[in-house]
């Protein structure tokens, strides 16, 4: 009888320990598609679906105007969390086979930290193009890089966590496992 009671006590303790993971509070706005109207100068914009996942305040599906850029979407998602890795943000762009049958999906890397240090838009560019211009006075041809910062329909932005975030998750799991093992050890040694 003692062993059964102790086993039930151990099971309750284990459930209590592992059940104390950070509570997830879901409000109605965090489970639905967010919408950003983006009316500028009275002109209504076409809308597109984009996703932002990972270490942001409000990850999920967003319905935004078709000229929305990465920074606008990040701001709509509440910004990055403290443990977000800002040097390697991934934009997964699906293949657009409706325009080009040979189109392939792309992974685009954004370095938000470099952008914040330098204010150089090339670190936020989702597309780059080279434009050739001829100076009318000298006749010299020059090349200029054009950085397109806009997102495209179906883009998925993934903001990863830093190595310290991963380490804290592993440490948290190991501490809970150690507590469960010590409770088990106490229960099995009671006579």
N, C-alpha and C. Protein backbone atom coordinates (compact mmCIF):
# COMPACT_ATOMS: atom_id res chain seq x y z
N UNK A 1 0.82 -1.19 0.00
CA UNK A 1 0.00 0.00 0.00
C UNK A 1 0.87 1.26 0.00
N UNK A 2 1.96 1.21 0.80
CA UNK A 2 2.87 2.34 0.86
C UNK A 2 3.47 2.62 -0.51
N UNK A 3 3.86 1.55 -1.21
CA UNK A 3 4.49 1.71 -2.53
C UNK A 3 3.51 2.34 -3.52
N UNK A 4 2.23 1.97 -3.45
CA UNK A 4 1.24 2.53 -4.37
C UNK A 4 1.05 4.02 -4.09
N UNK A 5 0.92 4.36 -2.80
CA UNK A 5 0.76 5.76 -2.42
C UNK A 5 1.99 6.58 -2.82
N UNK A 6 3.17 6.03 -2.62
CA UNK A 6 4.39 6.75 -2.98
C UNK A 6 4.51 6.89 -4.49
N UNK A 7 4.09 5.86 -5.20
CA UNK A 7 4.12 5.95 -6.67
C UNK A 7 3.16 7.02 -7.17
N UNK A 8 1.97 7.09 -6.57
CA UNK A 8 1.02 8.15 -6.94
C UNK A 8 1.56 9.53 -6.58
N UNK A 9 2.21 9.64 -5.43
CA UNK A 9 2.82 10.89 -5.01
C UNK A 9 3.91 11.30 -6.00
N UNK A 10 4.73 10.33 -6.42
CA UNK A 10 5.79 10.61 -7.37
C UNK A 10 5.21 11.05 -8.72
N UNK A 11 4.15 10.39 -9.15
CA UNK A 11 3.52 10.76 -10.40
C UNK A 11 2.94 12.17 -10.33
N UNK A 12 2.30 12.50 -9.23
CA UNK A 12 1.75 13.85 -9.05
C UNK A 12 2.85 14.89 -9.04
N UNK A 13 3.96 14.58 -8.37
CA UNK A 13 5.10 15.51 -8.33
C UNK A 13 5.68 15.71 -9.72
N UNK A 14 5.82 14.63 -10.47
CA UNK A 14 6.38 14.73 -11.83
C UNK A 14 5.46 15.56 -12.71
N UNK A 15 4.14 15.33 -12.60
CA UNK A 15 3.21 16.12 -13.39
C UNK A 15 3.24 17.59 -12.99
N UNK A 16 3.38 17.84 -11.70
CA UNK A 16 3.46 19.21 -11.22
C UNK A 16 4.72 19.89 -11.71
N UNK A 17 5.84 19.18 -11.69
CA UNK A 17 7.11 19.77 -12.12
C UNK A 17 7.09 20.04 -13.62
N UNK A 18 6.71 19.04 -14.41
CA UNK A 18 6.73 19.21 -15.85
C UNK A 18 5.56 20.04 -16.35
N UNK A 19 4.55 20.19 -15.54
CA UNK A 19 3.40 21.00 -15.93
C UNK A 19 3.62 22.48 -15.69
N UNK A 20 4.76 22.86 -15.11
CA UNK A 20 5.04 24.25 -14.82
C UNK A 20 5.78 24.96 -15.93
N UNK A 21 5.69 24.45 -17.13
CA UNK A 21 6.31 25.15 -18.26
C UNK A 21 5.63 26.51 -18.37
N UNK A 22 6.31 27.45 -18.98
CA UNK A 22 5.78 28.80 -19.06
C UNK A 22 4.38 28.77 -19.65
N UNK A 23 3.44 29.38 -18.96
CA UNK A 23 2.06 29.32 -19.43
C UNK A 23 1.90 30.09 -20.74
N UNK A 24 1.13 29.52 -21.62
CA UNK A 24 0.87 30.17 -22.90
C UNK A 24 -0.50 30.80 -22.83
N UNK A 25 -0.53 32.12 -22.88
CA UNK A 25 -1.78 32.84 -22.84
C UNK A 25 -2.10 33.25 -24.27
N UNK A 26 -3.21 32.77 -24.78
CA UNK A 26 -3.58 33.09 -26.15
C UNK A 26 -4.78 34.01 -26.12
N UNK A 27 -4.60 35.17 -26.69
CA UNK A 27 -5.73 36.07 -26.82
C UNK A 27 -6.32 35.86 -28.20
N UNK A 28 -7.49 36.36 -28.39
CA UNK A 28 -8.15 36.15 -29.68
C UNK A 28 -7.35 36.76 -30.82
N UNK A 29 -6.59 37.84 -30.56
CA UNK A 29 -5.85 38.47 -31.64
C UNK A 29 -4.58 37.71 -31.99
N UNK A 30 -4.08 36.85 -31.10
CA UNK A 30 -2.84 36.16 -31.41
C UNK A 30 -3.07 34.85 -32.16
N UNK A 31 -4.31 34.41 -32.31
CA UNK A 31 -4.53 33.19 -33.06
C UNK A 31 -5.14 33.44 -34.43
N UNK A 32 -5.53 34.67 -34.71
CA UNK A 32 -6.12 34.96 -36.01
C UNK A 32 -5.09 35.65 -36.89
N UNK A 33 -5.41 35.80 -38.14
CA UNK A 33 -4.53 36.50 -39.07
C UNK A 33 -4.57 37.99 -38.72
N UNK A 34 -3.40 38.58 -38.55
CA UNK A 34 -3.32 40.01 -38.27
C UNK A 34 -3.52 40.75 -39.58
N UNK A 35 -4.06 41.93 -39.49
CA UNK A 35 -4.30 42.70 -40.69
C UNK A 35 -3.74 44.10 -40.52
N UNK A 36 -3.08 44.57 -41.56
CA UNK A 36 -2.53 45.91 -41.58
C UNK A 36 -3.07 46.57 -42.83
N UNK A 37 -3.86 47.61 -42.68
CA UNK A 37 -4.55 48.21 -43.82
C UNK A 37 -3.59 48.91 -44.77
N UNK A 38 -2.69 49.72 -44.25
CA UNK A 38 -1.69 50.34 -45.09
C UNK A 38 -2.25 51.35 -46.07
N UNK A 39 -3.34 52.03 -45.73
CA UNK A 39 -3.87 53.05 -46.63
C UNK A 39 -2.93 54.24 -46.62
N UNK A 40 -2.39 54.56 -47.78
CA UNK A 40 -1.52 55.72 -47.89
C UNK A 40 -2.11 56.64 -48.94
N UNK A 41 -2.24 57.88 -48.60
CA UNK A 41 -2.78 58.92 -49.49
C UNK A 41 -4.10 58.49 -50.12
N UNK A 42 -4.92 57.80 -49.36
CA UNK A 42 -6.24 57.44 -49.81
C UNK A 42 -6.32 56.32 -50.83
N UNK A 43 -5.18 55.71 -51.16
CA UNK A 43 -5.17 54.64 -52.15
C UNK A 43 -5.17 53.31 -51.42
N UNK A 44 -6.12 52.45 -51.73
CA UNK A 44 -6.19 51.14 -51.09
C UNK A 44 -5.22 50.20 -51.79
N UNK A 45 -4.48 49.41 -51.02
CA UNK A 45 -3.47 48.51 -51.54
C UNK A 45 -4.00 47.09 -51.65
N UNK A 46 -3.41 46.31 -52.56
CA UNK A 46 -3.70 44.89 -52.60
C UNK A 46 -3.12 44.24 -51.36
N UNK A 47 -3.75 43.17 -50.89
CA UNK A 47 -3.29 42.50 -49.67
C UNK A 47 -2.61 41.19 -50.01
N UNK A 48 -1.67 40.77 -49.17
CA UNK A 48 -1.00 39.49 -49.34
C UNK A 48 -0.79 38.86 -47.96
N UNK A 49 -0.68 37.53 -47.95
CA UNK A 49 -0.39 36.80 -46.72
C UNK A 49 1.11 36.60 -46.59
N UNK A 50 1.64 36.93 -45.42
CA UNK A 50 3.03 36.63 -45.09
C UNK A 50 3.04 36.08 -43.66
N UNK A 51 4.06 35.32 -43.35
CA UNK A 51 4.18 34.69 -42.04
C UNK A 51 5.44 35.18 -41.37
N UNK A 52 5.38 35.33 -40.06
CA UNK A 52 6.59 35.59 -39.28
C UNK A 52 6.56 34.63 -38.10
N UNK A 53 7.63 33.87 -37.95
CA UNK A 53 7.71 32.81 -36.94
C UNK A 53 8.96 32.98 -36.10
N UNK A 54 8.95 32.36 -34.95
CA UNK A 54 10.15 32.33 -34.12
C UNK A 54 10.11 33.32 -32.98
N UNK A 55 11.23 33.94 -32.73
CA UNK A 55 11.43 34.77 -31.55
C UNK A 55 10.98 36.21 -31.76
N UNK A 56 9.66 36.37 -31.98
CA UNK A 56 9.02 37.69 -32.03
C UNK A 56 7.87 37.69 -31.04
N UNK A 57 7.38 38.87 -30.71
CA UNK A 57 6.32 38.96 -29.70
C UNK A 57 5.02 38.31 -30.15
N UNK A 58 4.63 38.51 -31.42
CA UNK A 58 3.36 37.96 -31.92
C UNK A 58 3.59 37.24 -33.24
N UNK A 59 4.09 36.00 -33.20
CA UNK A 59 4.29 35.27 -34.46
C UNK A 59 2.95 34.87 -35.07
N UNK A 60 2.94 34.68 -36.37
CA UNK A 60 1.72 34.22 -37.00
C UNK A 60 1.59 34.67 -38.43
N UNK A 61 0.37 34.57 -38.93
CA UNK A 61 0.01 34.96 -40.29
C UNK A 61 -0.45 36.40 -40.27
N UNK A 62 0.07 37.19 -41.21
CA UNK A 62 -0.29 38.59 -41.32
C UNK A 62 -0.83 38.87 -42.71
N UNK A 63 -1.89 39.64 -42.78
CA UNK A 63 -2.46 40.09 -44.04
C UNK A 63 -2.04 41.55 -44.18
N UNK A 64 -1.12 41.83 -45.11
CA UNK A 64 -0.51 43.15 -45.23
C UNK A 64 -0.58 43.64 -46.67
N UNK A 65 -0.41 44.96 -46.90
CA UNK A 65 -0.37 45.47 -48.27
C UNK A 65 0.79 44.88 -49.06
N UNK A 66 0.66 44.89 -50.37
CA UNK A 66 1.67 44.23 -51.20
C UNK A 66 3.01 44.96 -51.26
N UNK A 67 3.11 46.16 -50.69
CA UNK A 67 4.40 46.85 -50.68
C UNK A 67 5.03 46.87 -49.29
N UNK A 68 4.62 45.95 -48.43
CA UNK A 68 5.15 45.89 -47.06
C UNK A 68 6.57 45.36 -47.08
N UNK A 69 7.43 45.99 -46.28
CA UNK A 69 8.82 45.53 -46.18
C UNK A 69 9.03 44.77 -44.87
N UNK A 70 10.23 44.23 -44.70
CA UNK A 70 10.56 43.40 -43.54
C UNK A 70 10.40 44.18 -42.24
N UNK A 71 10.90 45.41 -42.18
CA UNK A 71 10.83 46.18 -40.93
C UNK A 71 9.40 46.45 -40.50
N UNK A 72 8.53 46.72 -41.45
CA UNK A 72 7.12 46.96 -41.12
C UNK A 72 6.49 45.70 -40.54
N UNK A 73 6.77 44.56 -41.16
CA UNK A 73 6.21 43.31 -40.65
C UNK A 73 6.76 42.98 -39.26
N UNK A 74 8.04 43.21 -39.06
CA UNK A 74 8.65 42.97 -37.75
C UNK A 74 8.02 43.87 -36.68
N UNK A 75 7.75 45.11 -37.03
CA UNK A 75 7.09 46.02 -36.09
C UNK A 75 5.67 45.57 -35.80
N UNK A 76 4.95 45.11 -36.82
CA UNK A 76 3.58 44.61 -36.60
C UNK A 76 3.58 43.39 -35.69
N UNK A 77 4.64 42.58 -35.76
CA UNK A 77 4.73 41.37 -34.94
C UNK A 77 5.23 41.68 -33.53
N UNK A 78 5.36 42.93 -33.19
CA UNK A 78 5.76 43.31 -31.84
C UNK A 78 7.25 43.37 -31.64
N UNK A 79 8.02 43.21 -32.69
CA UNK A 79 9.47 43.29 -32.60
C UNK A 79 10.09 41.98 -32.15
N UNK A 80 11.41 41.90 -32.26
CA UNK A 80 12.10 40.67 -31.86
C UNK A 80 12.16 40.56 -30.34
N UNK A 81 12.23 39.33 -29.84
CA UNK A 81 12.38 39.13 -28.40
C UNK A 81 13.85 39.34 -28.03
N UNK A 82 14.12 39.35 -26.73
CA UNK A 82 15.49 39.59 -26.25
C UNK A 82 16.48 38.57 -26.77
N UNK A 83 16.04 37.33 -26.92
CA UNK A 83 16.95 36.27 -27.30
C UNK A 83 16.90 35.95 -28.80
N UNK A 84 16.44 36.90 -29.61
CA UNK A 84 16.38 36.70 -31.06
C UNK A 84 17.77 36.91 -31.67
N UNK A 85 18.10 36.08 -32.63
CA UNK A 85 19.37 36.21 -33.35
C UNK A 85 19.15 37.16 -34.52
N UNK A 86 19.62 38.38 -34.39
CA UNK A 86 19.35 39.42 -35.37
C UNK A 86 20.32 39.41 -36.54
N UNK A 87 21.37 38.61 -36.47
CA UNK A 87 22.36 38.59 -37.55
C UNK A 87 21.99 37.64 -38.67
N UNK A 88 21.11 36.69 -38.42
CA UNK A 88 20.73 35.71 -39.44
C UNK A 88 19.23 35.46 -39.40
N UNK A 89 18.47 36.37 -39.99
CA UNK A 89 17.03 36.21 -40.09
C UNK A 89 16.75 35.65 -41.48
N UNK A 90 15.96 34.61 -41.53
CA UNK A 90 15.73 33.89 -42.78
C UNK A 90 14.38 34.26 -43.37
N UNK A 91 14.38 34.55 -44.67
CA UNK A 91 13.15 34.76 -45.42
C UNK A 91 13.04 33.59 -46.39
N UNK A 92 12.01 32.77 -46.20
CA UNK A 92 11.78 31.63 -47.08
C UNK A 92 10.76 32.09 -48.12
N UNK A 93 11.20 32.18 -49.35
CA UNK A 93 10.35 32.65 -50.44
C UNK A 93 9.96 31.46 -51.31
N UNK A 94 8.66 31.12 -51.37
CA UNK A 94 8.24 29.98 -52.18
C UNK A 94 8.39 30.29 -53.67
N UNK A 95 8.48 29.24 -54.46
CA UNK A 95 8.58 29.40 -55.91
C UNK A 95 7.28 29.96 -56.46
N UNK A 96 7.38 30.93 -57.33
CA UNK A 96 6.20 31.53 -57.95
C UNK A 96 6.05 30.93 -59.35
N UNK A 97 5.46 29.77 -59.42
CA UNK A 97 5.34 29.06 -60.69
C UNK A 97 4.27 29.66 -61.59
N UNK A 98 3.44 30.55 -61.07
CA UNK A 98 2.42 31.18 -61.92
C UNK A 98 3.05 32.18 -62.89
N UNK A 99 4.20 32.75 -62.52
CA UNK A 99 4.89 33.70 -63.37
C UNK A 99 5.96 33.00 -64.21
N UNK A 100 6.73 32.10 -63.56
CA UNK A 100 7.84 31.43 -64.23
C UNK A 100 7.78 29.95 -63.89
N UNK A 101 7.65 29.10 -64.89
CA UNK A 101 7.56 27.66 -64.64
C UNK A 101 8.84 27.08 -64.04
N UNK A 102 9.95 27.75 -64.22
CA UNK A 102 11.23 27.24 -63.73
C UNK A 102 11.66 27.93 -62.43
N UNK A 103 10.77 28.67 -61.82
CA UNK A 103 11.10 29.37 -60.58
C UNK A 103 11.36 28.37 -59.47
N UNK A 104 12.29 28.72 -58.61
CA UNK A 104 12.62 27.87 -57.47
C UNK A 104 12.42 28.65 -56.17
N UNK A 105 12.19 27.92 -55.13
CA UNK A 105 12.09 28.55 -53.81
C UNK A 105 13.46 29.10 -53.43
N UNK A 106 13.46 30.18 -52.64
CA UNK A 106 14.71 30.81 -52.25
C UNK A 106 14.75 30.99 -50.74
N UNK A 107 15.97 31.01 -50.23
CA UNK A 107 16.22 31.40 -48.85
C UNK A 107 17.00 32.71 -48.93
N UNK A 108 16.49 33.75 -48.29
CA UNK A 108 17.14 35.06 -48.29
C UNK A 108 17.53 35.37 -46.85
N UNK A 109 18.76 35.80 -46.65
CA UNK A 109 19.25 36.10 -45.31
C UNK A 109 19.24 37.61 -45.09
N UNK A 110 18.72 38.02 -43.94
CA UNK A 110 18.66 39.43 -43.56
C UNK A 110 19.50 39.61 -42.30
N UNK A 111 20.30 40.67 -42.26
CA UNK A 111 21.13 40.97 -41.11
C UNK A 111 20.63 42.28 -40.49
N UNK A 112 19.69 42.17 -39.57
CA UNK A 112 19.08 43.34 -38.95
C UNK A 112 20.08 44.08 -38.07
N UNK A 113 20.97 43.37 -37.42
CA UNK A 113 21.96 44.01 -36.55
C UNK A 113 22.87 44.94 -37.36
N UNK A 114 23.35 44.47 -38.52
CA UNK A 114 24.20 45.30 -39.38
C UNK A 114 23.43 46.52 -39.87
N UNK A 115 22.17 46.32 -40.22
CA UNK A 115 21.35 47.44 -40.66
C UNK A 115 21.23 48.49 -39.56
N UNK A 116 21.01 48.05 -38.32
CA UNK A 116 20.87 49.00 -37.21
C UNK A 116 22.19 49.73 -36.94
N UNK A 117 23.32 49.09 -37.22
CA UNK A 117 24.62 49.73 -37.02
C UNK A 117 24.99 50.68 -38.15
N UNK A 118 24.58 50.37 -39.39
CA UNK A 118 25.04 51.13 -40.54
C UNK A 118 23.94 51.88 -41.28
N UNK A 119 22.68 51.54 -41.08
CA UNK A 119 21.55 52.11 -41.82
C UNK A 119 21.67 51.86 -43.31
N UNK A 120 22.35 50.78 -43.69
CA UNK A 120 22.53 50.42 -45.09
C UNK A 120 21.44 49.43 -45.48
N UNK A 121 20.62 49.80 -46.48
CA UNK A 121 19.47 48.98 -46.86
C UNK A 121 19.84 47.65 -47.48
N UNK A 122 21.08 47.47 -47.89
CA UNK A 122 21.43 46.19 -48.52
C UNK A 122 21.32 45.03 -47.54
N UNK A 123 21.40 45.31 -46.24
CA UNK A 123 21.28 44.25 -45.24
C UNK A 123 19.83 43.79 -45.06
N UNK A 124 18.87 44.57 -45.58
CA UNK A 124 17.45 44.21 -45.49
C UNK A 124 16.87 43.81 -46.84
N UNK A 125 17.68 43.83 -47.87
CA UNK A 125 17.19 43.60 -49.23
C UNK A 125 16.73 42.17 -49.43
N UNK A 126 15.56 42.03 -50.03
CA UNK A 126 15.06 40.71 -50.39
C UNK A 126 15.36 40.41 -51.86
N UNK A 127 15.64 41.43 -52.64
CA UNK A 127 16.03 41.28 -54.05
C UNK A 127 17.04 42.39 -54.36
N UNK A 128 18.01 42.09 -55.21
CA UNK A 128 18.93 43.12 -55.69
C UNK A 128 18.95 43.10 -57.21
N UNK A 129 19.08 44.28 -57.77
CA UNK A 129 19.18 44.42 -59.22
C UNK A 129 20.27 45.42 -59.52
N UNK A 130 20.89 45.25 -60.67
CA UNK A 130 21.92 46.18 -61.10
C UNK A 130 21.32 47.07 -62.19
N UNK A 131 21.41 48.36 -61.99
CA UNK A 131 20.91 49.32 -62.98
C UNK A 131 22.12 50.04 -63.59
N UNK A 132 22.16 50.09 -64.91
CA UNK A 132 23.24 50.79 -65.61
C UNK A 132 22.73 52.16 -66.04
N UNK A 133 23.54 53.15 -65.73
CA UNK A 133 23.18 54.51 -66.09
C UNK A 133 24.33 55.15 -66.85
N UNK A 134 24.00 56.01 -67.79
CA UNK A 134 25.01 56.74 -68.54
C UNK A 134 24.89 58.21 -68.17
N UNK A 135 26.02 58.77 -67.73
CA UNK A 135 26.07 60.19 -67.39
C UNK A 135 25.96 60.98 -68.68
N UNK A 136 24.99 61.89 -68.76
CA UNK A 136 24.76 62.65 -69.98
C UNK A 136 25.91 63.59 -70.31
N UNK A 137 26.57 64.13 -69.30
CA UNK A 137 27.65 65.09 -69.54
C UNK A 137 28.94 64.40 -69.97
N UNK A 138 29.31 63.34 -69.24
CA UNK A 138 30.60 62.69 -69.51
C UNK A 138 30.48 61.48 -70.41
N UNK A 139 29.31 60.91 -70.50
CA UNK A 139 29.12 59.71 -71.30
C UNK A 139 29.65 58.45 -70.63
N UNK A 140 30.00 58.53 -69.35
CA UNK A 140 30.54 57.38 -68.62
C UNK A 140 29.38 56.54 -68.10
N UNK A 141 29.51 55.22 -68.30
CA UNK A 141 28.49 54.29 -67.84
C UNK A 141 28.83 53.84 -66.42
N UNK A 142 27.85 53.86 -65.56
CA UNK A 142 28.06 53.41 -64.17
C UNK A 142 26.98 52.40 -63.80
N UNK A 143 27.31 51.57 -62.84
CA UNK A 143 26.35 50.58 -62.34
C UNK A 143 25.94 50.95 -60.93
N UNK A 144 24.64 50.88 -60.69
CA UNK A 144 24.10 51.14 -59.37
C UNK A 144 23.31 49.93 -58.92
N UNK A 145 23.45 49.59 -57.67
CA UNK A 145 22.67 48.49 -57.10
C UNK A 145 21.35 49.04 -56.58
N UNK A 146 20.28 48.36 -56.92
CA UNK A 146 18.95 48.72 -56.44
C UNK A 146 18.52 47.61 -55.49
N UNK A 147 18.19 48.01 -54.26
CA UNK A 147 17.79 47.04 -53.24
C UNK A 147 16.28 47.08 -53.05
N UNK A 148 15.63 45.96 -53.32
CA UNK A 148 14.19 45.84 -53.14
C UNK A 148 13.95 45.28 -51.75
N UNK A 149 13.27 46.04 -50.93
CA UNK A 149 13.04 45.65 -49.53
C UNK A 149 11.68 45.00 -49.33
N UNK A 150 10.84 44.95 -50.36
CA UNK A 150 9.47 44.47 -50.22
C UNK A 150 9.41 42.95 -50.05
N UNK A 151 8.42 42.52 -49.31
CA UNK A 151 8.14 41.10 -49.17
C UNK A 151 7.22 40.69 -50.31
N UNK A 152 7.11 39.40 -50.54
CA UNK A 152 6.23 38.88 -51.58
C UNK A 152 5.20 37.96 -50.94
N UNK A 153 4.08 37.73 -51.63
CA UNK A 153 3.04 36.86 -51.06
C UNK A 153 3.59 35.47 -50.74
N UNK A 154 3.25 34.99 -49.55
CA UNK A 154 3.68 33.66 -49.14
C UNK A 154 5.03 33.63 -48.46
N UNK A 155 5.72 34.76 -48.36
CA UNK A 155 7.02 34.78 -47.67
C UNK A 155 6.86 34.36 -46.22
N UNK A 156 7.82 33.60 -45.73
CA UNK A 156 7.86 33.20 -44.33
C UNK A 156 9.15 33.71 -43.73
N UNK A 157 9.05 34.54 -42.70
CA UNK A 157 10.23 35.07 -42.02
C UNK A 157 10.42 34.26 -40.76
N UNK A 158 11.65 33.74 -40.58
CA UNK A 158 11.96 32.93 -39.41
C UNK A 158 13.03 33.66 -38.61
N UNK A 159 12.69 34.06 -37.39
CA UNK A 159 13.62 34.73 -36.49
C UNK A 159 14.05 33.69 -35.45
N UNK A 160 15.27 33.20 -35.59
CA UNK A 160 15.78 32.16 -34.69
C UNK A 160 16.20 32.74 -33.36
N UNK A 161 16.38 31.85 -32.40
CA UNK A 161 16.90 32.25 -31.10
C UNK A 161 18.41 32.10 -31.07
N UNK A 162 19.04 32.78 -30.15
CA UNK A 162 20.48 32.70 -30.00
C UNK A 162 20.86 31.36 -29.36
N UNK A 163 22.14 31.08 -29.29
CA UNK A 163 22.63 29.85 -28.68
C UNK A 163 22.29 29.85 -27.18
N UNK A 164 22.24 31.03 -26.57
CA UNK A 164 21.91 31.11 -25.15
C UNK A 164 20.46 30.71 -24.90
N UNK A 165 19.58 31.00 -25.86
CA UNK A 165 18.19 30.59 -25.76
C UNK A 165 18.10 29.06 -25.78
N UNK A 166 18.81 28.44 -26.73
CA UNK A 166 18.81 26.98 -26.82
C UNK A 166 19.40 26.37 -25.55
N UNK A 167 20.47 26.94 -25.06
CA UNK A 167 21.11 26.45 -23.84
C UNK A 167 20.16 26.55 -22.65
N UNK A 168 19.42 27.65 -22.55
CA UNK A 168 18.50 27.80 -21.42
C UNK A 168 17.38 26.77 -21.48
N UNK A 169 16.91 26.43 -22.69
CA UNK A 169 15.87 25.40 -22.83
C UNK A 169 16.39 24.03 -22.40
N UNK A 170 17.62 23.70 -22.81
CA UNK A 170 18.22 22.41 -22.43
C UNK A 170 18.45 22.37 -20.92
N UNK A 171 18.97 23.46 -20.35
CA UNK A 171 19.21 23.51 -18.91
C UNK A 171 17.91 23.38 -18.13
N UNK A 172 16.86 24.01 -18.60
CA UNK A 172 15.56 23.91 -17.94
C UNK A 172 15.05 22.47 -17.95
N UNK A 173 15.17 21.79 -19.10
CA UNK A 173 14.73 20.40 -19.21
C UNK A 173 15.56 19.50 -18.28
N UNK A 174 16.88 19.70 -18.27
CA UNK A 174 17.74 18.86 -17.43
C UNK A 174 17.46 19.06 -15.95
N UNK A 175 17.16 20.29 -15.54
CA UNK A 175 16.86 20.52 -14.12
C UNK A 175 15.56 19.83 -13.73
N UNK A 176 14.56 19.85 -14.62
CA UNK A 176 13.31 19.15 -14.32
C UNK A 176 13.51 17.64 -14.29
N UNK A 177 14.33 17.13 -15.19
CA UNK A 177 14.62 15.69 -15.19
C UNK A 177 15.36 15.29 -13.91
N UNK A 178 16.28 16.13 -13.45
CA UNK A 178 17.02 15.84 -12.22
C UNK A 178 16.08 15.82 -11.02
N UNK A 179 15.14 16.72 -10.98
CA UNK A 179 14.17 16.74 -9.87
C UNK A 179 13.33 15.47 -9.90
N UNK A 180 12.87 15.09 -11.08
CA UNK A 180 12.05 13.87 -11.19
C UNK A 180 12.85 12.64 -10.77
N UNK A 181 14.12 12.57 -11.17
CA UNK A 181 14.96 11.44 -10.77
C UNK A 181 15.22 11.41 -9.27
N UNK A 182 15.41 12.57 -8.66
CA UNK A 182 15.64 12.60 -7.22
C UNK A 182 14.37 12.17 -6.46
N UNK A 183 13.19 12.57 -6.95
CA UNK A 183 11.94 12.14 -6.33
C UNK A 183 11.79 10.63 -6.48
N UNK A 184 12.09 10.11 -7.65
CA UNK A 184 12.04 8.67 -7.88
C UNK A 184 13.00 7.94 -6.95
N UNK A 185 14.19 8.47 -6.79
CA UNK A 185 15.19 7.87 -5.89
C UNK A 185 14.69 7.87 -4.45
N UNK A 186 14.07 8.96 -4.02
CA UNK A 186 13.53 9.01 -2.66
C UNK A 186 12.42 7.99 -2.46
N UNK A 187 11.56 7.87 -3.45
CA UNK A 187 10.42 6.94 -3.34
C UNK A 187 10.92 5.50 -3.30
N UNK A 188 11.87 5.16 -4.14
CA UNK A 188 12.34 3.76 -4.16
C UNK A 188 13.15 3.41 -2.93
N UNK A 189 13.76 4.38 -2.25
CA UNK A 189 14.56 4.08 -1.06
C UNK A 189 13.75 4.09 0.22
N UNK A 190 12.48 4.49 0.18
CA UNK A 190 11.65 4.47 1.39
C UNK A 190 11.23 3.04 1.67
N UNK A 191 11.37 2.62 2.91
CA UNK A 191 11.03 1.24 3.28
C UNK A 191 9.96 1.20 4.32
